[in-house]
Protein backbone atom coordinates (compact mmCIF):
# COMPACT_ATOMS: atom_id res chain seq x y z
CA UNK A 1 -10.41 7.93 24.57
CA UNK A 2 -10.34 5.49 21.66
CA UNK A 3 -12.17 4.93 18.38
CA UNK A 4 -13.52 1.83 16.69
CA UNK A 5 -14.35 1.36 13.01
CA UNK A 6 -17.41 -0.73 12.12
CA UNK A 7 -17.75 -1.56 8.44
CA UNK A 8 -21.21 -2.75 7.37
CA UNK A 9 -21.88 -4.83 4.29
CA UNK A 10 -22.25 -8.49 3.40
CA UNK A 11 -20.18 -7.82 0.26
CA UNK A 12 -17.20 -7.12 2.52
CA UNK A 13 -17.57 -10.45 4.29
CA UNK A 14 -17.83 -12.27 0.96
CA UNK A 15 -14.67 -10.59 -0.28
CA UNK A 16 -16.46 -9.05 -3.26
CA UNK A 17 -14.92 -5.65 -2.51
CA UNK A 18 -11.81 -4.55 -0.65
CA UNK A 19 -12.43 -2.72 2.63
CA UNK A 20 -10.47 0.38 1.64
CA UNK A 21 -12.67 2.59 3.86
CA UNK A 22 -11.31 0.98 7.01
CA UNK A 23 -7.74 1.45 5.79
CA UNK A 24 -8.35 5.13 5.04
CA UNK A 25 -10.05 5.78 8.38
CA UNK A 26 -7.31 3.97 10.28
CA UNK A 27 -4.68 6.17 8.63
CA UNK A 28 -6.71 9.28 9.37
CA UNK A 29 -7.17 8.35 13.02
CA UNK A 30 -3.42 7.84 13.32
CA UNK A 31 -2.76 11.28 11.85
CA UNK A 32 -5.16 12.80 14.39
CA UNK A 33 -3.50 10.89 17.21
CA UNK A 34 -6.76 9.14 18.12
CA UNK A 35 -6.11 5.66 19.58
CA UNK A 36 -7.73 2.90 17.56
CA UNK A 37 -7.57 -0.67 18.81
CA UNK A 38 -10.34 -2.59 17.04
CA UNK A 39 -12.08 -2.90 13.67
CA UNK A 40 -15.26 -4.85 13.01
CA UNK A 41 -16.84 -6.02 9.77
CA UNK A 42 -20.47 -7.12 9.97
CA UNK A 43 -22.98 -8.11 7.30
CA UNK A 44 -26.36 -6.55 6.53
CA UNK A 45 -28.04 -8.18 9.50
CA UNK A 46 -29.68 -6.10 12.27
CA UNK A 47 -29.09 -8.53 15.13
CA UNK A 48 -25.44 -9.09 14.34
CA UNK A 49 -24.95 -5.36 13.88
CA UNK A 50 -26.52 -4.77 17.32
CA UNK A 51 -24.11 -7.30 18.81
CA UNK A 52 -21.21 -5.42 17.25
CA UNK A 53 -22.52 -2.10 18.63
CA UNK A 54 -22.90 -3.59 22.11
CA UNK A 55 -19.27 -4.72 22.18
CA UNK A 56 -17.82 -1.61 20.55
CA UNK A 57 -19.76 0.89 22.67
CA UNK A 58 -18.34 -0.69 25.84
CA UNK A 59 -14.70 -0.33 24.79
CA UNK A 60 -14.58 2.82 22.64
CA UNK A 61 -15.86 6.38 22.95
CA UNK A 62 -15.98 7.06 19.20
CA UNK A 63 -17.75 4.64 16.84
CA UNK A 64 -17.27 5.20 13.11
CA UNK A 65 -19.64 3.34 10.78
CA UNK A 66 -19.29 2.99 7.02
CA UNK A 67 -21.85 1.38 4.74
CA UNK A 68 -25.57 0.61 4.93
CA UNK A 69 -26.90 4.15 4.44
CA UNK A 70 -28.49 3.69 1.01
CA UNK A 71 -32.17 3.54 0.00
CA UNK A 72 -32.49 -0.23 -0.43
CA UNK A 73 -33.98 -2.67 2.12
CA UNK A 74 -30.56 -4.10 3.07
CA UNK A 75 -29.30 -0.63 4.08
CA UNK A 76 -30.02 -1.00 7.79
CA UNK A 77 -27.26 0.88 9.61
CA UNK A 78 -29.14 3.99 10.74
CA UNK A 79 -32.34 2.26 11.87
CA UNK A 80 -30.38 -0.51 13.64
CA UNK A 81 -28.29 2.02 15.59
CA UNK A 82 -31.46 3.92 16.56
CA UNK A 83 -33.18 0.70 17.62
CA UNK A 84 -30.19 -0.38 19.72
CA UNK A 85 -30.37 2.86 21.70
CA UNK A 86 -34.21 2.76 21.81
CA UNK A 87 -34.51 6.07 19.98
CA UNK A 88 -37.18 6.92 17.37
CA UNK A 89 -36.27 7.95 13.83
CA UNK A 90 -37.22 11.44 12.71
CA UNK A 91 -37.45 12.57 9.08
CA UNK A 92 -35.24 15.57 8.34
CA UNK A 93 -36.95 17.81 5.73
CA UNK A 94 -33.62 19.42 4.81
CA UNK A 95 -32.27 16.02 3.79
CA UNK A 96 -35.31 15.35 1.61
CA UNK A 97 -34.81 18.71 -0.08
CA UNK A 98 -31.07 18.09 -0.57
CA UNK A 99 -31.68 14.67 -2.17
CA UNK A 100 -34.44 16.06 -4.42
CA UNK A 101 -32.15 18.85 -5.65
CA UNK A 102 -29.33 16.43 -6.42
CA UNK A 103 -31.66 14.20 -8.40
CA UNK A 104 -33.01 17.21 -10.31
CA UNK A 105 -29.49 18.32 -11.20
CA UNK A 106 -28.95 14.90 -12.77
CA UNK A 107 -32.23 15.08 -14.68
CA UNK A 108 -33.87 12.44 -12.50
CA UNK A 109 -36.78 12.34 -10.08
CA UNK A 110 -36.34 11.25 -6.49
CA UNK A 111 -38.17 8.00 -5.71
CA UNK A 112 -40.03 7.27 -2.49
CA UNK A 113 -37.43 4.86 -1.17
CA UNK A 114 -34.89 7.70 -1.07
CA UNK A 115 -36.89 9.31 1.75
CA UNK A 116 -35.53 6.52 3.92
CA UNK A 117 -32.16 8.28 3.82
CA UNK A 118 -33.72 11.33 5.52
CA UNK A 119 -34.49 9.35 8.70
CA UNK A 120 -32.10 9.97 11.59
CA UNK A 121 -32.36 9.16 15.31
CA UNK A 122 -33.98 11.90 17.34
CA UNK A 123 -31.28 14.32 18.49
CA UNK A 124 -28.75 13.39 15.81
CA UNK A 125 -27.04 16.02 13.68
CA UNK A 126 -26.80 15.69 9.92
CA UNK A 127 -23.38 14.82 8.53
CA UNK A 128 -23.95 16.23 5.05
CA UNK A 129 -22.83 14.42 1.94
CA UNK A 130 -21.60 17.00 -0.62
CA UNK A 131 -21.17 14.32 -3.30
CA UNK A 132 -23.86 11.65 -3.08
CA UNK A 133 -27.41 11.30 -1.84
CA UNK A 134 -26.80 9.40 1.42
CA UNK A 135 -26.03 11.66 4.39
CA UNK A 136 -24.45 10.43 7.57
CA UNK A 137 -25.01 11.50 11.16
CA UNK A 138 -23.20 12.82 14.19
CA UNK A 139 -24.88 11.58 17.34
CA UNK A 140 -24.18 11.28 21.03
CA UNK A 141 -26.72 8.71 22.22
CA UNK A 142 -25.28 8.78 25.73
CA UNK A 143 -22.52 10.62 27.61
CA UNK A 144 -18.99 9.82 26.47
CA UNK A 145 -20.10 8.11 23.28
CA UNK A 146 -20.05 9.68 19.82
CA UNK A 147 -21.29 7.98 16.67
CA UNK A 148 -20.37 9.01 13.13
CA UNK A 149 -21.90 7.28 10.11
CA UNK A 150 -20.72 7.42 6.50
CA UNK A 151 -21.86 5.86 3.24
CA UNK A 152 -19.83 2.96 1.90
CA UNK A 153 -18.83 4.71 -1.33
CA UNK A 154 -15.16 5.62 -0.69
CA UNK A 155 -15.17 8.91 -2.63
CA UNK A 156 -18.20 10.16 -0.68
CA UNK A 157 -16.89 8.95 2.69
CA UNK A 158 -13.50 10.64 2.25
CA UNK A 159 -14.99 14.04 1.41
CA UNK A 160 -17.40 13.87 4.34
CA UNK A 161 -14.62 12.83 6.71
CA UNK A 162 -12.21 15.54 5.70
CA UNK A 163 -14.66 18.42 5.28
CA UNK A 164 -17.02 17.80 8.19
CA UNK A 165 -15.95 15.02 10.55
CA UNK A 166 -12.37 16.14 11.21
CA UNK A 167 -13.31 19.76 12.11
CA UNK A 168 -16.09 18.44 14.35
CA UNK A 169 -13.79 16.01 16.16
CA UNK A 170 -11.18 18.71 16.75
CA UNK A 171 -13.87 21.02 18.13
CA UNK A 172 -14.84 18.29 20.61
CA UNK A 173 -11.31 17.82 21.90
CA UNK A 174 -10.31 14.84 19.75
CA UNK A 175 -7.07 14.91 17.80
CA UNK A 176 -5.09 17.12 20.19
CA UNK A 177 -1.98 15.03 19.60
CA UNK A 178 -0.59 13.69 16.36
CA UNK A 179 1.05 10.44 15.34
CA UNK A 180 3.82 10.67 12.78
CA UNK A 181 5.31 7.60 11.13
CA UNK A 182 8.49 7.07 9.15
CA UNK A 183 8.98 3.81 7.27
CA UNK A 184 12.46 2.51 6.48
CA UNK A 185 12.53 0.14 3.50
CA UNK A 186 14.94 -2.78 3.03
CA UNK A 187 15.81 -5.25 0.29
CA UNK A 188 18.31 -8.09 0.40
CA UNK A 189 17.88 -8.91 4.08
CA UNK A 190 15.33 -11.26 5.66
CA UNK A 191 12.76 -10.09 8.19
CA UNK A 192 14.22 -12.41 10.84
CA UNK A 193 17.77 -11.15 10.33
CA UNK A 194 16.70 -7.51 10.42
CA UNK A 195 14.57 -8.16 13.50
CA UNK A 196 17.58 -9.68 15.25
CA UNK A 197 19.73 -6.65 14.44
CA UNK A 198 17.04 -4.21 15.58
CA UNK A 199 15.68 -6.25 18.52
CA UNK A 200 16.46 -3.66 21.20
CA UNK A 201 14.33 -1.06 19.44
CA UNK A 202 11.10 -3.08 19.57
CA UNK A 203 10.68 -2.35 23.30
CA UNK A 204 10.55 1.42 22.81
CA UNK A 205 7.31 3.12 23.86
CA UNK A 206 7.51 6.50 22.14
CA UNK A 207 8.55 6.26 19.40
CA UNK A 208 7.67 2.66 18.65
CA UNK A 209 9.38 0.46 16.06
CA UNK A 210 7.53 -2.35 14.27
CA UNK A 211 8.74 -4.70 11.49
CA UNK A 212 6.72 -5.66 8.41
CA UNK A 213 7.48 -7.92 5.45
CA UNK A 214 5.72 -8.17 2.11
CA UNK A 215 6.71 -9.73 -1.23
CA UNK A 216 10.41 -9.85 -0.43
CA UNK A 217 10.64 -6.37 1.03
CA UNK A 218 11.10 -5.69 4.73
CA UNK A 219 10.03 -2.48 6.46
CA UNK A 220 10.58 -0.91 9.85
CA UNK A 221 7.93 1.63 10.80
CA UNK A 222 8.89 4.21 13.41
CA UNK A 223 5.88 5.99 14.96
CA UNK A 224 5.85 8.80 17.50
CA UNK A 225 3.08 10.63 19.38
CA UNK A 226 3.47 14.30 20.21
CA UNK A 227 1.57 17.57 20.35
CA UNK A 228 2.86 18.62 16.92
CA UNK A 229 4.26 17.05 13.78
CA UNK A 230 7.64 18.70 14.35
CA UNK A 231 7.87 17.37 17.88
CA UNK A 232 6.99 13.85 16.73
CA UNK A 233 9.56 14.02 13.92
CA UNK A 234 12.19 15.09 16.44
CA UNK A 235 11.51 11.91 18.43
CA UNK A 236 11.83 9.78 15.30
CA UNK A 237 15.08 11.27 13.96
CA UNK A 238 17.64 9.73 16.36
CA UNK A 239 15.99 6.30 16.18
CA UNK A 240 15.99 6.41 12.39
CA UNK A 241 19.67 7.34 12.38
CA UNK A 242 20.61 4.43 14.64
CA UNK A 243 18.57 1.94 12.60
CA UNK A 244 20.18 3.14 9.38
CA UNK A 245 23.62 2.63 10.90
CA UNK A 246 22.72 -0.89 12.02
CA UNK A 247 21.22 -1.91 8.67
CA UNK A 248 23.79 -0.23 6.45
CA UNK A 249 23.37 -0.68 2.70
CA UNK A 250 20.38 -3.01 3.13
CA UNK A 251 18.23 0.07 3.82
CA UNK A 252 17.43 1.42 0.38
CA UNK A 253 14.91 4.18 1.14
CA UNK A 254 12.08 5.61 3.22
CA UNK A 255 8.31 6.08 3.02
CA UNK A 256 7.24 6.25 -0.66
CA UNK A 257 10.66 5.40 -2.11
CA UNK A 258 10.90 2.38 -4.41
CA UNK A 259 13.94 0.53 -5.67
CA UNK A 260 13.22 1.99 -9.11
CA UNK A 261 13.04 5.58 -7.83
CA UNK A 262 16.20 5.22 -5.74
CA UNK A 263 18.14 3.69 -8.64
CA UNK A 264 16.84 6.45 -10.88
CA UNK A 265 18.16 9.11 -8.52
CA UNK A 266 21.56 7.40 -8.36
CA UNK A 267 21.80 7.11 -12.13
CA UNK A 268 20.86 10.77 -12.50
CA UNK A 269 23.49 11.82 -9.97
CA UNK A 270 26.13 9.73 -11.74
CA UNK A 271 24.98 10.99 -15.16
CA UNK A 272 24.76 7.37 -16.23
CA UNK A 273 22.37 5.52 -18.51
CA UNK A 274 20.78 2.08 -18.31
CA UNK A 275 19.40 -0.57 -20.63
CA UNK A 276 17.89 -3.94 -19.72
CA UNK A 277 17.58 -7.40 -21.26
CA UNK A 278 14.81 -9.61 -19.88
CA UNK A 279 13.82 -13.20 -20.35
CA UNK A 280 11.67 -14.71 -17.57
CA UNK A 281 10.39 -11.32 -16.36
CA UNK A 282 8.96 -10.45 -19.77
CA UNK A 283 9.29 -6.68 -19.39
CA UNK A 284 8.59 -6.42 -15.66
CA UNK A 285 11.94 -4.74 -14.98
CA UNK A 286 11.47 -2.14 -17.69
CA UNK A 287 7.94 -1.47 -16.46
CA UNK A 288 9.17 -0.81 -12.92
CA UNK A 289 11.81 1.59 -14.18
CA UNK A 290 9.41 3.54 -16.39
CA UNK A 291 6.83 4.07 -13.66
CA UNK A 292 9.19 6.79 -12.41
CA UNK A 293 8.59 10.22 -13.89
CA UNK A 294 11.67 11.47 -15.70
CA UNK A 295 13.12 7.99 -16.25
CA UNK A 296 13.64 8.81 -19.93
CA UNK A 297 16.71 10.84 -18.94
CA UNK A 298 18.60 7.71 -17.86
CA UNK A 299 16.67 4.68 -19.20
CA UNK A 300 17.30 4.08 -22.88
CA UNK A 301 15.17 0.96 -23.32
CA UNK A 302 15.14 -2.80 -23.14
CA UNK A 303 15.02 -6.04 -25.09
CA UNK A 304 12.62 -8.82 -24.09
CA UNK A 305 14.63 -11.79 -25.29
CA UNK A 306 12.24 -14.55 -24.33
CA UNK A 307 13.28 -16.95 -27.08
CA UNK A 308 16.87 -18.14 -27.47
CA UNK A 309 16.90 -17.00 -31.09
CA UNK A 310 16.28 -13.45 -29.89
CA UNK A 311 19.06 -13.76 -27.33
CA UNK A 312 21.43 -14.74 -30.13
CA UNK A 313 20.26 -12.31 -32.83
CA UNK A 314 19.72 -9.15 -30.79
CA UNK A 315 21.99 -9.61 -27.79
CA UNK A 316 24.85 -11.60 -29.28
CA UNK A 317 24.54 -14.50 -26.83
CA UNK A 318 26.79 -17.39 -27.84
CA UNK A 319 24.82 -20.30 -29.30
CA UNK A 320 27.36 -22.74 -27.87
CA UNK A 321 26.72 -21.40 -24.35
CA UNK A 322 22.99 -21.81 -24.86
CA UNK A 323 23.47 -25.41 -25.97
CA UNK A 324 25.97 -26.39 -23.28
CA UNK A 325 24.68 -24.67 -20.12
CA UNK A 326 21.27 -23.39 -21.17
CA UNK A 327 19.57 -20.01 -21.16
CA UNK A 328 19.23 -20.06 -17.36
CA UNK A 329 22.89 -19.74 -16.48
CA UNK A 330 25.43 -17.24 -15.19
CA UNK A 331 27.29 -16.95 -18.49
CA UNK A 332 24.12 -16.25 -20.50
CA UNK A 333 23.02 -13.62 -17.97
CA UNK A 334 26.40 -11.91 -18.37
CA UNK A 335 26.29 -12.08 -22.16
CA UNK A 336 22.75 -10.63 -22.17
CA UNK A 337 23.89 -7.71 -20.03
CA UNK A 338 26.94 -7.06 -22.18
CA UNK A 339 24.87 -7.37 -25.34
CA UNK A 340 22.12 -4.93 -24.38
CA UNK A 341 24.66 -2.42 -23.08
CA UNK A 342 26.47 -2.53 -26.42
CA UNK A 343 23.33 -2.48 -28.59
CA UNK A 344 21.76 0.48 -26.80
CA UNK A 345 25.04 2.23 -26.02
CA UNK A 346 24.45 2.74 -22.28
CA UNK A 347 26.65 3.01 -19.21
CA UNK A 348 25.04 0.00 -17.57
CA UNK A 349 23.44 -3.18 -18.91
CA UNK A 350 21.18 -5.21 -16.61
CA UNK A 351 19.79 -8.64 -17.47
CA UNK A 352 17.50 -11.32 -16.03
CA UNK A 353 17.15 -14.95 -17.06
CA UNK A 354 15.44 -17.66 -15.01
CA UNK A 355 12.60 -20.11 -14.49
CA UNK A 356 9.43 -18.35 -13.29
CA UNK A 357 7.32 -21.52 -13.25
CA UNK A 358 5.10 -23.19 -12.52
CA UNK A 359 6.56 -25.53 -15.14
CA UNK A 360 10.00 -25.81 -16.63
CA UNK A 361 11.97 -26.69 -13.54
CA UNK A 362 14.33 -29.65 -13.10
CA UNK A 363 16.31 -31.12 -10.22
CA UNK A 364 19.38 -29.12 -11.20
CA UNK A 365 17.48 -26.02 -12.28
CA UNK A 366 14.36 -25.73 -10.12
CA UNK A 367 11.55 -23.22 -10.48
CA UNK A 368 12.66 -19.93 -8.96
CA UNK A 369 16.30 -20.19 -10.11
CA UNK A 370 17.26 -16.80 -11.55
CA UNK A 371 20.49 -15.27 -12.79
CA UNK A 372 21.04 -11.53 -13.01
CA UNK A 373 23.79 -10.02 -15.14
CA UNK A 374 25.28 -6.55 -14.64
CA UNK A 375 27.63 -4.99 -17.17
CA UNK A 376 29.55 -1.76 -16.62
CA UNK A 377 32.20 0.01 -18.74
CA UNK A 378 34.87 -1.91 -16.77
CA UNK A 379 33.49 -5.38 -16.15
CA UNK A 380 30.57 -7.78 -16.05
CA UNK A 381 29.33 -9.86 -13.15
CA UNK A 382 26.42 -12.16 -12.30
CA UNK A 383 24.26 -12.99 -9.27
CA UNK A 384 22.39 -16.22 -8.59
CA UNK A 385 19.06 -16.25 -6.73
CA UNK A 386 16.80 -19.10 -5.71
CA UNK A 387 13.36 -17.63 -5.06
CA UNK A 388 11.56 -20.98 -4.77
CA UNK A 389 8.30 -22.15 -6.31
CA UNK A 390 6.10 -19.40 -4.81
CA UNK A 391 4.16 -18.49 -7.92
CA UNK A 392 5.07 -16.94 -11.24
CA UNK A 393 4.21 -13.38 -10.21
CA UNK A 394 6.36 -13.66 -7.08
CA UNK A 395 9.41 -14.91 -9.01
CA UNK A 396 9.07 -12.19 -11.64
CA UNK A 397 8.66 -9.39 -9.10
CA UNK A 398 11.47 -10.63 -6.86
CA UNK A 399 13.75 -10.96 -9.89
CA UNK A 400 13.11 -7.41 -11.10
CA UNK A 401 13.52 -5.93 -7.63
CA UNK A 402 16.70 -7.89 -6.98
CA UNK A 403 18.15 -6.72 -10.28
CA UNK A 404 17.49 -3.09 -9.34
CA UNK A 405 18.93 -3.72 -5.89
CA UNK A 406 22.20 -5.12 -7.29
CA UNK A 407 22.58 -2.07 -9.51
CA UNK A 408 21.84 0.17 -6.51
CA UNK A 409 24.53 -1.50 -4.41
CA UNK A 410 27.06 -1.26 -7.22
CA UNK A 411 26.36 2.45 -7.72
CA UNK A 412 26.73 3.11 -3.99
CA UNK A 413 30.01 1.19 -3.92
CA UNK A 414 31.25 3.62 -6.54
CA UNK A 415 30.46 6.50 -4.22
CA UNK A 416 27.46 7.86 -6.10
């Protein structure tokens, strides 16, 4: 038995809004262990919606619709589904009463077009909406086919799914197994290189291993199906251990970990403090660090030294170095790191200087060239990166993440 998600709304096709409902439902289906192989997005057009229903109802036993349940003329989901299965619409008095009460509570009067929301196919059950005015339905128009409809408003859909739909599906025998996933996160290794190292794992059937890459980060998702969460986790554990051994230090965390949170934990364990000096990232590194709750215990602050005069005055960067090799250089990155560490009296000083673009690049110093400096109580070192001309936001994010990653590696080398 499998499910299919059908999202209704021309605004989705135009890209005016993000289809977060489909993402939420896909995650929920995975947690319930319900196979889900297709998603469809269709505009507010009855004939095209019927075509989508015809295809989906032949390959899935559970159809989940979101959108098109409102009171306006373009809200056609319910009547189109009923028409496809040649079933008349029946007004549900209890829905009319529920909508009228909700309007009264808000000091408003229900209009006639809201009665449209009380029409459901004959034989359908009401899928109540505790939040908004548009109810959904639970309907079995034919054997081995169940239809659930939800409004497009995410907050309403989520409540209806969790409070009503999930208990109903479990009562009907859906969700008897669970799918548990564990995501390993990597920085400093390419997707192709990691895929080569982990190639033998991609043929596994249960658990499965799948690679993903996004904005410089690579992930390996391990997913297992079992009758319980504990049983699924037990299948994942040995595979995770082997992948960690293969990847080594390139694996920085799991699931919701971030480079900032992992570095924060390491600094806390080492009882160390950190300060940062930023040029091309303009505060991006400091912002990443301070998104972590409790970062004030180890992060003392930063200096955004965008102009060379600030590099000289606040960080003590040598004016001769700036004139001879320029702000985007290894020596300036090192001096920035040393300077901020001294000014803010921290264990570690971390700096970034580079060319974020789109302008400012030359043949010898192209857009995407970045230097990172790292100063400790014992020494100072630098790292050169060439991120390419892939957009200003990309260069800034990759620079900040790479700076955190170099500090992470250094802390681990020290046995933290």
